[in-house]
Protein backbone atom coordinates (compact mmCIF):
# COMPACT_ATOMS: atom_id res chain seq x y z
CA MET A 1 143.92 105.78 -50.33
CA PRO A 2 142.44 103.17 -47.84
CA ARG A 3 138.56 102.11 -48.99
CA GLY A 4 137.48 103.98 -45.58
CA TRP A 5 137.99 107.34 -46.11
CA THR A 6 136.58 107.09 -49.44
CA LEU A 7 133.38 105.92 -48.02
CA LEU A 8 134.10 108.54 -45.42
CA ILE A 9 134.59 111.69 -47.70
CA PRO A 10 131.15 111.55 -48.97
CA LEU A 11 129.71 111.18 -45.84
CA LEU A 12 131.26 113.91 -44.16
CA GLY A 13 130.58 116.69 -46.70
CA ALA A 14 126.46 114.73 -46.98
CA PHE A 15 126.59 116.16 -43.19
CA LEU A 16 128.49 119.44 -43.32
CA LEU A 17 125.78 120.01 -46.51
CA GLY A 18 122.80 118.59 -44.41
CA GLY A 19 123.46 121.12 -41.51
CA CYS A 20 123.99 123.99 -43.40
CA ALA A 21 120.67 123.90 -45.01
CA GLU A 22 119.35 123.39 -41.15
CA ARG A 23 120.49 126.41 -40.59
CA VAL A 24 119.16 127.90 -43.87
CA GLU A 25 116.07 126.95 -43.09
CA ARG A 26 115.62 128.14 -39.51
CA GLY A 27 117.13 131.47 -40.50
CA ALA A 28 114.20 131.44 -43.04
CA GLU A 29 112.06 131.10 -40.26
CA ARG A 30 113.32 133.55 -38.17
CA ALA A 31 113.19 136.04 -40.77
CA ALA A 32 109.37 135.20 -41.67
CA GLU A 33 108.98 135.27 -38.70
CA ARG A 34 110.45 139.02 -38.40
CA ALA A 35 108.94 140.27 -41.08
CA LEU A 36 105.68 139.33 -39.17
CA GLU A 37 106.14 141.10 -36.59
CA GLU A 38 107.28 144.87 -38.74
CA ALA A 39 103.67 144.33 -41.22
CA GLU A 40 102.17 147.27 -41.44
CA THR A 41 99.68 146.68 -44.10
CA ARG A 42 97.34 143.59 -44.08
CA GLU A 43 98.85 142.86 -46.73
CA GLU A 44 102.41 142.57 -45.35
CA ARG A 45 100.83 140.71 -42.55
CA GLU A 46 99.25 137.80 -44.94
CA GLN A 47 102.55 137.63 -47.30
CA ALA A 48 104.65 137.67 -44.51
CA GLU A 49 101.83 134.56 -42.36
CA ARG A 50 102.64 132.55 -46.45
CA ASP A 51 106.07 132.65 -45.64
CA LEU A 52 106.30 131.51 -42.45
CA GLU A 53 103.53 128.52 -43.01
CA ARG A 54 105.85 127.53 -46.56
CA ALA A 55 109.22 128.04 -44.17
CA ARG A 56 107.96 126.03 -41.83
CA ASP A 57 106.70 123.11 -43.65
CA GLU A 58 109.81 123.23 -46.07
CA HIS A 59 111.56 122.46 -42.62
CA ARG A 60 109.76 119.96 -41.72
CA ASP A 61 109.44 118.10 -44.55
CA ARG A 62 113.22 117.98 -44.42
CA MET A 63 113.23 116.49 -40.71
CA GLN A 64 110.22 114.04 -41.90
CA GLN A 65 113.44 113.19 -44.72
CA GLN A 66 115.67 111.71 -42.47
């Protein structure tokens, strides 16, 4: 296999995995937003707020690493 292909395959894999991670992070953020909207008790609302903040922090950290 030519050298170009051996370098391309890991780069392509990293790109695809990076895209998957971003979708997972965005999905977690959307799920936390929905939980916040659907919270009925104060405890549920506080937990949903913490989850949303954590999801946003993780996404922001990942974007800064790139």
